[in-house]
PDB file of N, CA and C in Angstrom:
ATOM      1  N   MET A   1     128.149 106.739  70.384  1.00  0.00           N
ATOM      2  CA  MET A   1     126.801 106.229  70.509  1.00  0.00           C
ATOM      3  C   MET A   1     126.083 106.996  71.627  1.00  0.00           C
ATOM      4  N   THR A   2     124.884 107.456  71.348  1.00  0.00           N
ATOM      5  CA  THR A   2     124.082 108.178  72.328  1.00  0.00           C
ATOM      6  C   THR A   2     123.143 107.203  73.022  1.00  0.00           C
ATOM      7  N   PHE A   3     123.101 107.292  74.326  1.00  0.00           N
ATOM      8  CA  PHE A   3     122.218 106.455  75.122  1.00  0.00           C
ATOM      9  C   PHE A   3     120.791 106.969  74.972  1.00  0.00           C
ATOM     10  N   PRO A   4     119.789 106.110  74.764  1.00  0.00           N
ATOM     11  CA  PRO A   4     118.416 106.586  74.564  1.00  0.00           C
ATOM     12  C   PRO A   4     117.799 107.144  75.852  1.00  0.00           C
ATOM     13  N   VAL A   5     116.869 108.049  75.671  1.00  0.00           N
ATOM     14  CA  VAL A   5     116.079 108.561  76.797  1.00  0.00           C
ATOM     15  C   VAL A   5     114.862 107.655  76.914  1.00  0.00           C
ATOM     16  N   PHE A   6     114.758 106.963  78.044  1.00  0.00           N
ATOM     17  CA  PHE A   6     113.657 106.025  78.216  1.00  0.00           C
ATOM     18  C   PHE A   6     112.370 106.748  78.598  1.00  0.00           C
ATOM     19  N   PRO A   7     111.233 106.216  78.180  1.00  0.00           N
ATOM     20  CA  PRO A   7     109.947 106.831  78.538  1.00  0.00           C
ATOM     21  C   PRO A   7     109.641 106.648  80.018  1.00  0.00           C
ATOM     22  N   ASP A   8     108.860 107.580  80.541  1.00  0.00           N
ATOM     23  CA  ASP A   8     108.424 107.514  81.933  1.00  0.00           C
ATOM     24  C   ASP A   8     107.369 106.418  82.067  1.00  0.00           C
ATOM     25  N   PRO A   9     107.623 105.377  82.879  1.00  0.00           N
ATOM     26  CA  PRO A   9     106.666 104.268  82.965  1.00  0.00           C
ATOM     27  C   PRO A   9     105.338 104.665  83.605  1.00  0.00           C
ATOM     28  N   GLU A  10     105.366 105.642  84.505  1.00  0.00           N
ATOM     29  CA  GLU A  10     104.111 106.083  85.130  1.00  0.00           C
ATOM     30  C   GLU A  10     103.186 106.692  84.079  1.00  0.00           C
ATOM     31  N   THR A  11     103.757 107.542  83.223  1.00  0.00           N
ATOM     32  CA  THR A  11     102.966 108.154  82.151  1.00  0.00           C
ATOM     33  C   THR A  11     102.481 107.096  81.169  1.00  0.00           C
ATOM     34  N   MET A  12     103.345 106.125  80.860  1.00  0.00           N
ATOM     35  CA  MET A  12     102.944 105.057  79.940  1.00  0.00           C
ATOM     36  C   MET A  12     101.710 104.321  80.467  1.00  0.00           C
ATOM     37  N   LEU A  13     101.749 103.976  81.755  1.00  0.00           N
ATOM     38  CA  LEU A  13     100.608 103.252  82.327  1.00  0.00           C
ATOM     39  C   LEU A  13      99.368 104.133  82.398  1.00  0.00           C
ATOM     40  N   MET A  14      99.541 105.425  82.612  1.00  0.00           N
ATOM     41  CA  MET A  14      98.387 106.336  82.580  1.00  0.00           C
ATOM     42  C   MET A  14      97.739 106.299  81.194  1.00  0.00           C
ATOM     43  N   TYR A  15      98.577 106.428  80.144  1.00  0.00           N
ATOM     44  CA  TYR A  15      98.046 106.375  78.768  1.00  0.00           C
ATOM     45  C   TYR A  15      97.282 105.085  78.524  1.00  0.00           C
ATOM     46  N   ALA A  16      97.776 103.979  79.062  1.00  0.00           N
ATOM     47  CA  ALA A  16      97.171 102.677  78.796  1.00  0.00           C
ATOM     48  C   ALA A  16      95.938 102.407  79.650  1.00  0.00           C
ATOM     49  N   LEU A  17      95.973 102.775  80.933  1.00  0.00           N
ATOM     50  CA  LEU A  17      94.931 102.354  81.874  1.00  0.00           C
ATOM     51  C   LEU A  17      93.758 103.329  82.025  1.00  0.00           C
ATOM     52  N   VAL A  18      94.004 104.623  81.907  1.00  0.00           N
ATOM     53  CA  VAL A  18      92.921 105.595  82.116  1.00  0.00           C
ATOM     54  C   VAL A  18      91.748 105.352  81.161  1.00  0.00           C
ATOM     55  N   PRO A  19      91.975 105.155  79.858  1.00  0.00           N
ATOM     56  CA  PRO A  19      90.825 104.929  78.971  1.00  0.00           C
ATOM     57  C   PRO A  19      90.052 103.642  79.276  1.00  0.00           C
ATOM     58  N   LEU A  20      90.730 102.663  79.861  1.00  0.00           N
ATOM     59  CA  LEU A  20      90.067 101.389  80.172  1.00  0.00           C
ATOM     60  C   LEU A  20      89.244 101.443  81.460  1.00  0.00           C
ATOM     61  N   ASN A  21      89.502 102.431  82.298  1.00  0.00           N
ATOM     62  CA  ASN A  21      88.876 102.504  83.621  1.00  0.00           C
ATOM     63  C   ASN A  21      88.351 103.904  83.902  1.00  0.00           C
ATOM     64  N   PRO A  22      87.314 104.338  83.191  1.00  0.00           N
ATOM     65  CA  PRO A  22      86.833 105.715  83.358  1.00  0.00           C
ATOM     66  C   PRO A  22      86.255 106.020  84.740  1.00  0.00           C
ATOM     67  N   ASN A  23      85.912 104.999  85.525  1.00  0.00           N
ATOM     68  CA  ASN A  23      85.337 105.236  86.851  1.00  0.00           C
ATOM     69  C   ASN A  23      86.374 105.248  87.965  1.00  0.00           C
ATOM     70  N   MET A  24      87.655 105.136  87.608  1.00  0.00           N
ATOM     71  CA  MET A  24      88.729 105.181  88.598  1.00  0.00           C
ATOM     72  C   MET A  24      89.549 106.440  88.373  1.00  0.00           C
ATOM     73  N   ARG A  25      90.080 106.974  89.462  1.00  0.00           N
ATOM     74  CA  ARG A  25      90.948 108.147  89.370  1.00  0.00           C
ATOM     75  C   ARG A  25      92.398 107.675  89.453  1.00  0.00           C
ATOM     76  N   PHE A  26      93.214 107.979  88.431  1.00  0.00           N
ATOM     77  CA  PHE A  26      94.613 107.589  88.391  1.00  0.00           C
ATOM     78  C   PHE A  26      95.477 108.789  88.741  1.00  0.00           C
ATOM     79  N   VAL A  27      96.439 108.569  89.645  1.00  0.00           N
ATOM     80  CA  VAL A  27      97.308 109.641  90.116  1.00  0.00           C
ATOM     81  C   VAL A  27      98.724 109.091  90.307  1.00  0.00           C
ATOM     82  N   THR A  28      99.671 110.009  90.461  1.00  0.00           N
ATOM     83  CA  THR A  28     101.019 109.614  90.861  1.00  0.00           C
ATOM     84  C   THR A  28     101.302 110.044  92.302  1.00  0.00           C
ATOM     85  N   VAL A  29     100.450 110.931  92.830  1.00  0.00           N
ATOM     86  CA  VAL A  29     100.525 111.370  94.217  1.00  0.00           C
ATOM     87  C   VAL A  29      99.105 111.353  94.764  1.00  0.00           C
ATOM     88  N   ILE A  30      98.945 110.767  95.946  1.00  0.00           N
ATOM     89  CA  ILE A  30      97.605 110.693  96.542  1.00  0.00           C
ATOM     90  C   ILE A  30      97.096 112.099  96.867  1.00  0.00           C
ATOM     91  N   PRO A  31      95.907 112.443  96.395  1.00  0.00           N
ATOM     92  CA  PRO A  31      95.360 113.772  96.683  1.00  0.00           C
ATOM     93  C   PRO A  31      94.950 113.900  98.150  1.00  0.00           C
ATOM     94  N   ALA A  32      94.961 115.128  98.630  1.00  0.00           N
ATOM     95  CA  ALA A  32      94.543 115.391 100.010  1.00  0.00           C
ATOM     96  C   ALA A  32      93.035 115.218 100.136  1.00  0.00           C
ATOM     97  N   GLY A  33      92.605 114.905 101.336  1.00  0.00           N
ATOM     98  CA  GLY A  33      91.177 114.768 101.596  1.00  0.00           C
ATOM     99  C   GLY A  33      90.655 113.390 101.277  1.00  0.00           C
ATOM    100  N   ASP A  34      89.447 113.145 101.715  1.00  0.00           N
ATOM    101  CA  ASP A  34      88.807 111.858 101.480  1.00  0.00           C
ATOM    102  C   ASP A  34      88.261 111.809 100.057  1.00  0.00           C
ATOM    103  N   GLN A  35      88.558 110.734  99.368  1.00  0.00           N
ATOM    104  CA  GLN A  35      88.106 110.541  97.991  1.00  0.00           C
ATOM    105  C   GLN A  35      86.885 109.616  97.993  1.00  0.00           C
ATOM    106  N   PRO A  36      85.860 109.940  97.217  1.00  0.00           N
ATOM    107  CA  PRO A  36      84.631 109.136  97.252  1.00  0.00           C
ATOM    108  C   PRO A  36      84.731 107.789  96.549  1.00  0.00           C
ATOM    109  N   GLY A  37      85.591 107.665  95.564  1.00  0.00           N
ATOM    110  CA  GLY A  37      85.653 106.424  94.787  1.00  0.00           C
ATOM    111  C   GLY A  37      87.022 105.787  94.856  1.00  0.00           C
ATOM    112  N   ILE A  38      87.293 104.963  93.868  1.00  0.00           N
ATOM    113  CA  ILE A  38      88.571 104.262  93.805  1.00  0.00           C
ATOM    114  C   ILE A  38      89.643 105.175  93.215  1.00  0.00           C
ATOM    115  N   VAL A  39      90.779 105.216  93.903  1.00  0.00           N
ATOM    116  CA  VAL A  39      91.939 105.995  93.462  1.00  0.00           C
ATOM    117  C   VAL A  39      93.090 105.018  93.254  1.00  0.00           C
ATOM    118  N   VAL A  40      93.757 105.140  92.115  1.00  0.00           N
ATOM    119  CA  VAL A  40      94.867 104.253  91.768  1.00  0.00           C
ATOM    120  C   VAL A  40      96.138 105.088  91.658  1.00  0.00           C
ATOM    121  N   ARG A  41      97.117 104.765  92.509  1.00  0.00           N
ATOM    122  CA  ARG A  41      98.404 105.475  92.447  1.00  0.00           C
ATOM    123  C   ARG A  41      99.407 104.609  91.699  1.00  0.00           C
ATOM    124  N   ILE A  42     100.068 105.216  90.724  1.00  0.00           N
ATOM    125  CA  ILE A  42     101.100 104.551  89.937  1.00  0.00           C
ATOM    126  C   ILE A  42     102.432 105.200  90.298  1.00  0.00           C
ATOM    127  N   ARG A  43     103.405 104.358  90.694  1.00  0.00           N
ATOM    128  CA  ARG A  43     104.700 104.910  91.116  1.00  0.00           C
ATOM    129  C   ARG A  43     105.828 103.935  90.797  1.00  0.00           C
ATOM    130  N   ARG A  44     106.838 104.427  90.104  1.00  0.00           N
ATOM    131  CA  ARG A  44     108.027 103.600  89.861  1.00  0.00           C
ATOM    132  C   ARG A  44     108.768 103.443  91.180  1.00  0.00           C
ATOM    133  N   SER A  45     109.056 102.198  91.545  1.00  0.00           N
ATOM    134  CA  SER A  45     109.734 101.954  92.820  1.00  0.00           C
ATOM    135  C   SER A  45     111.177 101.502  92.645  1.00  0.00           C
ATOM    136  N   SER A  46     111.503 100.899  91.511  1.00  0.00           N
ATOM    137  CA  SER A  46     112.875 100.453  91.280  1.00  0.00           C
ATOM    138  C   SER A  46     113.011 100.035  89.824  1.00  0.00           C
ATOM    139  N   GLY A  47     114.072  99.284  89.551  1.00  0.00           N
ATOM    140  CA  GLY A  47     114.317  98.788  88.213  1.00  0.00           C
ATOM    141  C   GLY A  47     115.326  99.655  87.485  1.00  0.00           C
ATOM    142  N   THR A  48     115.946  99.074  86.487  1.00  0.00           N
ATOM    143  CA  THR A  48     116.956  99.787  85.709  1.00  0.00           C
ATOM    144  C   THR A  48     117.089  99.137  84.342  1.00  0.00           C
ATOM    145  N   ASN A  49     117.801  99.818  83.471  1.00  0.00           N
ATOM    146  CA  ASN A  49     118.049  99.215  82.170  1.00  0.00           C
ATOM    147  C   ASN A  49     119.175  98.188  82.314  1.00  0.00           C
ATOM    148  N   ARG A  50     119.000  97.072  81.645  1.00  0.00           N
ATOM    149  CA  ARG A  50     120.032  96.036  81.617  1.00  0.00           C
ATOM    150  C   ARG A  50     120.570  95.865  80.204  1.00  0.00           C
ATOM    151  N   HIS A  51     120.076  96.698  79.322  1.00  0.00           N
ATOM    152  CA  HIS A  51     120.440  96.666  77.915  1.00  0.00           C
ATOM    153  C   HIS A  51     120.355  98.114  77.437  1.00  0.00           C
ATOM    154  N   ILE A  52     121.185  98.489  76.505  1.00  0.00           N
ATOM    155  CA  ILE A  52     121.238  99.883  76.079  1.00  0.00           C
ATOM    156  C   ILE A  52     119.903 100.392  75.520  1.00  0.00           C
ATOM    157  N   GLY A  53     119.082  99.524  74.981  1.00  0.00           N
ATOM    158  CA  GLY A  53     117.833  99.977  74.379  1.00  0.00           C
ATOM    159  C   GLY A  53     116.576  99.583  75.106  1.00  0.00           C
ATOM    160  N   LEU A  54     116.704  99.027  76.320  1.00  0.00           N
ATOM    161  CA  LEU A  54     115.535  98.495  77.012  1.00  0.00           C
ATOM    162  C   LEU A  54     115.599  98.845  78.499  1.00  0.00           C
ATOM    163  N   ASP A  55     114.560  99.496  78.999  1.00  0.00           N
ATOM    164  CA  ASP A  55     114.459  99.808  80.420  1.00  0.00           C
ATOM    165  C   ASP A  55     113.560  98.760  81.075  1.00  0.00           C
ATOM    166  N   ARG A  56     113.825  98.448  82.341  1.00  0.00           N
ATOM    167  CA  ARG A  56     113.023  97.454  83.060  1.00  0.00           C
ATOM    168  C   ARG A  56     112.558  98.039  84.398  1.00  0.00           C
ATOM    169  N   PRO A  57     111.658  99.015  84.365  1.00  0.00           N
ATOM    170  CA  PRO A  57     111.177  99.603  85.609  1.00  0.00           C
ATOM    171  C   PRO A  57     110.258  98.658  86.372  1.00  0.00           C
ATOM    172  N   VAL A  58     110.324  98.727  87.698  1.00  0.00           N
ATOM    173  CA  VAL A  58     109.355  98.054  88.562  1.00  0.00           C
ATOM    174  C   VAL A  58     108.416  99.149  89.057  1.00  0.00           C
ATOM    175  N   VAL A  59     107.124  98.929  88.847  1.00  0.00           N
ATOM    176  CA  VAL A  59     106.114  99.927  89.166  1.00  0.00           C
ATOM    177  C   VAL A  59     105.177  99.378  90.223  1.00  0.00           C
ATOM    178  N   ASP A  60     104.950 100.175  91.273  1.00  0.00           N
ATOM    179  CA  ASP A  60     103.973  99.824  92.302  1.00  0.00           C
ATOM    180  C   ASP A  60     102.632 100.437  91.932  1.00  0.00           C
ATOM    181  N   ILE A  61     101.595  99.643  92.057  1.00  0.00           N
ATOM    182  CA  ILE A  61     100.225 100.104  91.838  1.00  0.00           C
ATOM    183  C   ILE A  61      99.484  99.952  93.165  1.00  0.00           C
ATOM    184  N   ASP A  62      99.020 101.070  93.713  1.00  0.00           N
ATOM    185  CA  ASP A  62      98.228 101.074  94.940  1.00  0.00           C
ATOM    186  C   ASP A  62      96.798 101.443  94.581  1.00  0.00           C
ATOM    187  N   VAL A  63      95.865 100.603  94.975  1.00  0.00           N
ATOM    188  CA  VAL A  63      94.445 100.857  94.724  1.00  0.00           C
ATOM    189  C   VAL A  63      93.795 101.146  96.070  1.00  0.00           C
ATOM    190  N   PHE A  64      93.243 102.342  96.202  1.00  0.00           N
ATOM    191  CA  PHE A  64      92.611 102.795  97.443  1.00  0.00           C
ATOM    192  C   PHE A  64      91.111 102.927  97.219  1.00  0.00           C
ATOM    193  N   GLY A  65      90.352 102.653  98.265  1.00  0.00           N
ATOM    194  CA  GLY A  65      88.915 102.853  98.203  1.00  0.00           C
ATOM    195  C   GLY A  65      88.321 102.814  99.595  1.00  0.00           C
ATOM    196  N   PRO A  66      87.057 103.180  99.720  1.00  0.00           N
ATOM    197  CA  PRO A  66      86.408 103.165 101.029  1.00  0.00           C
ATOM    198  C   PRO A  66      86.447 101.767 101.654  1.00  0.00           C
ATOM    199  N   LYS A  67      86.699 101.717 102.933  1.00  0.00           N
ATOM    200  CA  LYS A  67      86.787 100.438 103.647  1.00  0.00           C
ATOM    201  C   LYS A  67      85.498  99.634 103.511  1.00  0.00           C
ATOM    202  N   SER A  68      84.372 100.315 103.377  1.00  0.00           N
ATOM    203  CA  SER A  68      83.093  99.628 103.224  1.00  0.00           C
ATOM    204  C   SER A  68      82.982  98.913 101.871  1.00  0.00           C
ATOM    205  N   GLN A  69      83.936  99.177 100.961  1.00  0.00           N
ATOM    206  CA  GLN A  69      83.907  98.570  99.634  1.00  0.00           C
ATOM    207  C   GLN A  69      85.153  97.720  99.381  1.00  0.00           C
ATOM    208  N   THR A  70      85.616  97.006 100.394  1.00  0.00           N
ATOM    209  CA  THR A  70      86.842  96.221 100.286  1.00  0.00           C
ATOM    210  C   THR A  70      86.800  95.253  99.105  1.00  0.00           C
ATOM    211  N   GLY A  71      85.699  94.569  98.913  1.00  0.00           N
ATOM    212  CA  GLY A  71      85.586  93.623  97.805  1.00  0.00           C
ATOM    213  C   GLY A  71      85.716  94.294  96.449  1.00  0.00           C
ATOM    214  N   ILE A  72      85.145  95.466  96.307  1.00  0.00           N
ATOM    215  CA  ILE A  72      85.216  96.210  95.047  1.00  0.00           C
ATOM    216  C   ILE A  72      86.645  96.687  94.798  1.00  0.00           C
ATOM    217  N   VAL A  73      87.328  97.130  95.852  1.00  0.00           N
ATOM    218  CA  VAL A  73      88.721  97.582  95.725  1.00  0.00           C
ATOM    219  C   VAL A  73      89.615  96.406  95.341  1.00  0.00           C
ATOM    220  N   SER A  74      89.405  95.258  95.967  1.00  0.00           N
ATOM    221  CA  SER A  74      90.169  94.051  95.633  1.00  0.00           C
ATOM    222  C   SER A  74      89.946  93.665  94.169  1.00  0.00           C
ATOM    223  N   ALA A  75      88.705  93.690  93.723  1.00  0.00           N
ATOM    224  CA  ALA A  75      88.389  93.352  92.327  1.00  0.00           C
ATOM    225  C   ALA A  75      89.037  94.346  91.364  1.00  0.00           C
ATOM    226  N   ALA A  76      89.060  95.621  91.743  1.00  0.00           N
ATOM    227  CA  ALA A  76      89.695  96.637  90.898  1.00  0.00           C
ATOM    228  C   ALA A  76      91.197  96.380  90.771  1.00  0.00           C
ATOM    229  N   ALA A  77      91.838  95.987  91.867  1.00  0.00           N
ATOM    230  CA  ALA A  77      93.274  95.691  91.835  1.00  0.00           C
ATOM    231  C   ALA A  77      93.560  94.509  90.911  1.00  0.00           C
ATOM    232  N   ARG A  78      92.710  93.514  90.927  1.00  0.00           N
ATOM    233  CA  ARG A  78      92.904  92.347  90.064  1.00  0.00           C
ATOM    234  C   ARG A  78      92.577  92.642  88.606  1.00  0.00           C
ATOM    235  N   LEU A  79      91.616  93.519  88.379  1.00  0.00           N
ATOM    236  CA  LEU A  79      91.309  93.961  87.020  1.00  0.00           C
ATOM    237  C   LEU A  79      92.514  94.708  86.440  1.00  0.00           C
ATOM    238  N   ILE A  80      93.095  95.600  87.213  1.00  0.00           N
ATOM    239  CA  ILE A  80      94.264  96.347  86.749  1.00  0.00           C
ATOM    240  C   ILE A  80      95.424  95.395  86.483  1.00  0.00           C
ATOM    241  N   GLN A  81      95.587  94.365  87.326  1.00  0.00           N
ATOM    242  CA  GLN A  81      96.632  93.372  87.077  1.00  0.00           C
ATOM    243  C   GLN A  81      96.424  92.730  85.701  1.00  0.00           C
ATOM    244  N   SER A  82      95.217  92.326  85.405  1.00  0.00           N
ATOM    245  CA  SER A  82      94.906  91.705  84.117  1.00  0.00           C
ATOM    246  C   SER A  82      95.209  92.658  82.965  1.00  0.00           C
ATOM    247  N   GLN A  83      94.848  93.904  83.135  1.00  0.00           N
ATOM    248  CA  GLN A  83      95.084  94.888  82.073  1.00  0.00           C
ATOM    249  C   GLN A  83      96.571  95.128  81.859  1.00  0.00           C
ATOM    250  N   ILE A  84      97.341  95.217  82.948  1.00  0.00           N
ATOM    251  CA  ILE A  84      98.788  95.422  82.818  1.00  0.00           C
ATOM    252  C   ILE A  84      99.436  94.229  82.137  1.00  0.00           C
ATOM    253  N   LEU A  85      99.034  93.025  82.516  1.00  0.00           N
ATOM    254  CA  LEU A  85      99.624  91.833  81.907  1.00  0.00           C
ATOM    255  C   LEU A  85      99.246  91.681  80.433  1.00  0.00           C
ATOM    256  N   SER A  86      98.230  92.405  79.999  1.00  0.00           N
ATOM    257  CA  SER A  86      97.819  92.389  78.592  1.00  0.00           C
ATOM    258  C   SER A  86      98.601  93.385  77.735  1.00  0.00           C
ATOM    259  N   LEU A  87      99.441  94.188  78.361  1.00  0.00           N
ATOM    260  CA  LEU A  87     100.158  95.243  77.639  1.00  0.00           C
ATOM    261  C   LEU A  87     101.462  94.721  77.023  1.00  0.00           C
ATOM    262  N   MET A  88     101.350  93.802  76.119  1.00  0.00           N
ATOM    263  CA  MET A  88     102.519  93.252  75.424  1.00  0.00           C
ATOM    264  C   MET A  88     102.613  93.883  74.042  1.00  0.00           C
ATOM    265  N   SER A  89     103.747  94.489  73.743  1.00  0.00           N
ATOM    266  CA  SER A  89     103.999  95.139  72.450  1.00  0.00           C
ATOM    267  C   SER A  89     103.007  96.257  72.159  1.00  0.00           C
ATOM    268  N   VAL A  90     102.614  96.976  73.204  1.00  0.00           N
ATOM    269  CA  VAL A  90     101.665  98.074  73.055  1.00  0.00           C
ATOM    270  C   VAL A  90     102.427  99.366  72.770  1.00  0.00           C
ATOM    271  N   VAL A  91     102.050 100.032  71.699  1.00  0.00           N
ATOM    272  CA  VAL A  91     102.654 101.311  71.333  1.00  0.00           C
ATOM    273  C   VAL A  91     101.812 102.419  71.947  1.00  0.00           C
ATOM    274  N   LEU A  92     102.464 103.271  72.747  1.00  0.00           N
ATOM    275  CA  LEU A  92     101.798 104.382  73.417  1.00  0.00           C
ATOM    276  C   LEU A  92     102.419 105.692  72.936  1.00  0.00           C
ATOM    277  N   PRO A  93     101.806 106.828  73.233  1.00  0.00           N
ATOM    278  CA  PRO A  93     102.356 108.096  72.741  1.00  0.00           C
ATOM    279  C   PRO A  93     103.815 108.371  73.159  1.00  0.00           C
ATOM    280  N   ASN A  94     104.263 107.821  74.281  1.00  0.00           N
ATOM    281  CA  ASN A  94     105.628 108.118  74.725  1.00  0.00           C
ATOM    282  C   ASN A  94     106.578 106.925  74.656  1.00  0.00           C
ATOM    283  N   GLY A  95     106.175 105.819  74.048  1.00  0.00           N
ATOM    284  CA  GLY A  95     107.080 104.679  73.930  1.00  0.00           C
ATOM    285  C   GLY A  95     106.331 103.371  73.745  1.00  0.00           C
ATOM    286  N   VAL A  96     107.072 102.281  73.911  1.00  0.00           N
ATOM    287  CA  VAL A  96     106.518 100.940  73.703  1.00  0.00           C
ATOM    288  C   VAL A  96     106.719 100.111  74.964  1.00  0.00           C
ATOM    289  N   ILE A  97     105.650  99.446  75.399  1.00  0.00           N
ATOM    290  CA  ILE A  97     105.766  98.447  76.462  1.00  0.00           C
ATOM    291  C   ILE A  97     105.903  97.110  75.747  1.00  0.00           C
ATOM    292  N   GLN A  98     107.083  96.513  75.845  1.00  0.00           N
ATOM    293  CA  GLN A  98     107.319  95.249  75.142  1.00  0.00           C
ATOM    294  C   GLN A  98     106.810  94.046  75.919  1.00  0.00           C
ATOM    295  N   HIS A  99     106.947  94.095  77.239  1.00  0.00           N
ATOM    296  CA  HIS A  99     106.587  92.933  78.054  1.00  0.00           C
ATOM    297  C   HIS A  99     106.238  93.409  79.460  1.00  0.00           C
ATOM    298  N   THR A 100     105.386  92.660  80.133  1.00  0.00           N
ATOM    299  CA  THR A 100     105.051  92.941  81.530  1.00  0.00           C
ATOM    300  C   THR A 100     105.027  91.636  82.314  1.00  0.00           C
ATOM    301  N   SER A 101     105.313  91.728  83.599  1.00  0.00           N
ATOM    302  CA  SER A 101     105.205  90.564  84.479  1.00  0.00           C
ATOM    303  C   SER A 101     104.893  91.031  85.895  1.00  0.00           C
ATOM    304  N   THR A 102     104.277  90.150  86.663  1.00  0.00           N
ATOM    305  CA  THR A 102     103.931  90.460  88.046  1.00  0.00           C
ATOM    306  C   THR A 102     105.116  90.127  88.943  1.00  0.00           C
ATOM    307  N   VAL A 103     105.528  91.096  89.743  1.00  0.00           N
ATOM    308  CA  VAL A 103     106.574  90.882  90.745  1.00  0.00           C
ATOM    309  C   VAL A 103     105.919  90.426  92.044  1.00  0.00           C
ATOM    310  N   SER A 104     104.850  91.106  92.404  1.00  0.00           N
ATOM    311  CA  SER A 104     104.094  90.793  93.613  1.00  0.00           C
ATOM    312  C   SER A 104     102.633  91.113  93.337  1.00  0.00           C
ATOM    313  N   GLY A 105     101.779  90.115  93.415  1.00  0.00           N
ATOM    314  CA  GLY A 105     100.374  90.286  93.071  1.00  0.00           C
ATOM    315  C   GLY A 105      99.597  91.116  94.069  1.00  0.00           C
ATOM    316  N   PRO A 106      98.379  91.507  93.690  1.00  0.00           N
ATOM    317  CA  PRO A 106      97.554  92.343  94.562  1.00  0.00           C
ATOM    318  C   PRO A 106      97.331  91.714  95.937  1.00  0.00           C
ATOM    319  N   ARG A 107      97.580  92.502  96.969  1.00  0.00           N
ATOM    320  CA  ARG A 107      97.346  92.060  98.345  1.00  0.00           C
ATOM    321  C   ARG A 107      97.006  93.279  99.176  1.00  0.00           C
ATOM    322  N   GLN A 108      96.242  93.037 100.218  1.00  0.00           N
ATOM    323  CA  GLN A 108      95.842  94.136 101.085  1.00  0.00           C
ATOM    324  C   GLN A 108      96.998  94.496 102.009  1.00  0.00           C
ATOM    325  N   LEU A 109      97.273  95.794 102.114  1.00  0.00           N
ATOM    326  CA  LEU A 109      98.299  96.311 103.011  1.00  0.00           C
ATOM    327  C   LEU A 109      97.658  97.284 103.993  1.00  0.00           C
ATOM    328  N   PRO A 110      98.301  97.502 105.131  1.00  0.00           N
ATOM    329  CA  PRO A 110      97.758  98.470 106.085  1.00  0.00           C
ATOM    330  C   PRO A 110      97.669  99.865 105.465  1.00  0.00           C
ATOM    331  N   GLU A 111      96.658 100.589 105.867  1.00  0.00           N
ATOM    332  CA  GLU A 111      96.450 101.955 105.381  1.00  0.00           C
ATOM    333  C   GLU A 111      96.288 102.875 106.588  1.00  0.00           C
ATOM    334  N   VAL A 112      96.988 104.025 106.572  1.00  0.00           N
ATOM    335  CA  VAL A 112      96.948 104.940 107.720  1.00  0.00           C
ATOM    336  C   VAL A 112      95.586 105.597 107.902  1.00  0.00           C
ATOM    337  N   ASN A 113      94.861 105.802 106.816  1.00  0.00           N
ATOM    338  CA  ASN A 113      93.529 106.391 106.921  1.00  0.00           C
ATOM    339  C   ASN A 113      92.539 105.269 107.252  1.00  0.00           C
ATOM    340  N   PRO A 114      91.929 105.301 108.438  1.00  0.00           N
ATOM    341  CA  PRO A 114      91.036 104.207 108.841  1.00  0.00           C
ATOM    342  C   PRO A 114      89.768 104.074 107.992  1.00  0.00           C
ATOM    343  N   LYS A 115      89.474 105.075 107.170  1.00  0.00           N
ATOM    344  CA  LYS A 115      88.294 105.021 106.311  1.00  0.00           C
ATOM    345  C   LYS A 115      88.545 104.257 105.012  1.00  0.00           C
ATOM    346  N   TYR A 116      89.824 103.954 104.732  1.00  0.00           N
ATOM    347  CA  TYR A 116      90.177 103.383 103.439  1.00  0.00           C
ATOM    348  C   TYR A 116      90.856 102.034 103.553  1.00  0.00           C
ATOM    349  N   VAL A 117      90.757 101.287 102.470  1.00  0.00           N
ATOM    350  CA  VAL A 117      91.463 100.024 102.310  1.00  0.00           C
ATOM    351  C   VAL A 117      92.435 100.226 101.148  1.00  0.00           C
ATOM    352  N   ARG A 118      93.576  99.529 101.210  1.00  0.00           N
ATOM    353  CA  ARG A 118      94.619  99.674 100.183  1.00  0.00           C
ATOM    354  C   ARG A 118      95.069  98.299  99.703  1.00  0.00           C
ATOM    355  N   TYR A 119      95.075  98.125  98.392  1.00  0.00           N
ATOM    356  CA  TYR A 119      95.637  96.933  97.768  1.00  0.00           C
ATOM    357  C   TYR A 119      96.850  97.372  96.958  1.00  0.00           C
ATOM    358  N   ASN A 120      97.946  96.635  97.101  1.00  0.00           N
ATOM    359  CA  ASN A 120      99.193  96.976  96.433  1.00  0.00           C
ATOM    360  C   ASN A 120      99.677  95.803  95.598  1.00  0.00           C
ATOM    361  N   ALA A 121     100.275  96.113  94.460  1.00  0.00           N
ATOM    362  CA  ALA A 121     100.917  95.106  93.607  1.00  0.00           C
ATOM    363  C   ALA A 121     102.099  95.769  92.918  1.00  0.00           C
ATOM    364  N   SER A 122     103.059  94.947  92.484  1.00  0.00           N
ATOM    365  CA  SER A 122     104.234  95.452  91.770  1.00  0.00           C
ATOM    366  C   SER A 122     104.385  94.700  90.455  1.00  0.00           C
ATOM    367  N   TYR A 123     104.767  95.440  89.424  1.00  0.00           N
ATOM    368  CA  TYR A 123     104.914  94.870  88.087  1.00  0.00           C
ATOM    369  C   TYR A 123     106.236  95.331  87.484  1.00  0.00           C
ATOM    370  N   GLU A 124     106.866  94.435  86.738  1.00  0.00           N
ATOM    371  CA  GLU A 124     108.045  94.821  85.982  1.00  0.00           C
ATOM    372  C   GLU A 124     107.623  95.012  84.530  1.00  0.00           C
ATOM    373  N   LEU A 125     108.002  96.137  83.977  1.00  0.00           N
ATOM    374  CA  LEU A 125     107.734  96.431  82.582  1.00  0.00           C
ATOM    375  C   LEU A 125     109.054  96.367  81.823  1.00  0.00           C
ATOM    376  N   GLN A 126     108.985  96.056  80.560  1.00  0.00           N
ATOM    377  CA  GLN A 126     110.128  96.218  79.675  1.00  0.00           C
ATOM    378  C   GLN A 126     109.706  97.248  78.650  1.00  0.00           C
ATOM    379  N   THR A 127     110.377  98.415  78.677  1.00  0.00           N
ATOM    380  CA  THR A 127     109.954  99.529  77.838  1.00  0.00           C
ATOM    381  C   THR A 127     111.113 100.021  76.973  1.00  0.00           C
ATOM    382  N   ARG A 128     110.729 100.687  75.904  1.00  0.00           N
ATOM    383  CA  ARG A 128     111.722 101.326  75.028  1.00  0.00           C
ATOM    384  C   ARG A 128     111.091 102.550  74.403  1.00  0.00           C
ATOM    385  N   PRO A 129     111.947 103.460  73.941  1.00  0.00           N
ATOM    386  CA  PRO A 129     111.417 104.672  73.278  1.00  0.00           C
ATOM    387  C   PRO A 129     110.676 104.321  71.992  1.00  0.00           C
TER     388      PRO A 129
END
């Protein structure tokens, strides 16, 4: 029996979220320099498969924006939470998201750049090829 190659959860979320949020920039690595708008970083932080055909990655979503727009950044983080929780049985170009759940909801965390505010949340996905 061959073990399946699981899809990359960061790419899956890019496929799902970018079309829904054309005014946000989605990345896996924060770009250098000051960004004028909202930047969303998607990064797998943990998780593993517990079944031969199902991966359960935990993904951190960081939403960054100008400190002067804290309310807008907070609203964007909650909008993304709603969109992620809506991704049940969604077929994407690189696999299927069967289920999603919130591990830790959007909350403001310290940010090293004093010009920016950061909201972070973590989600567990259940994915398969």
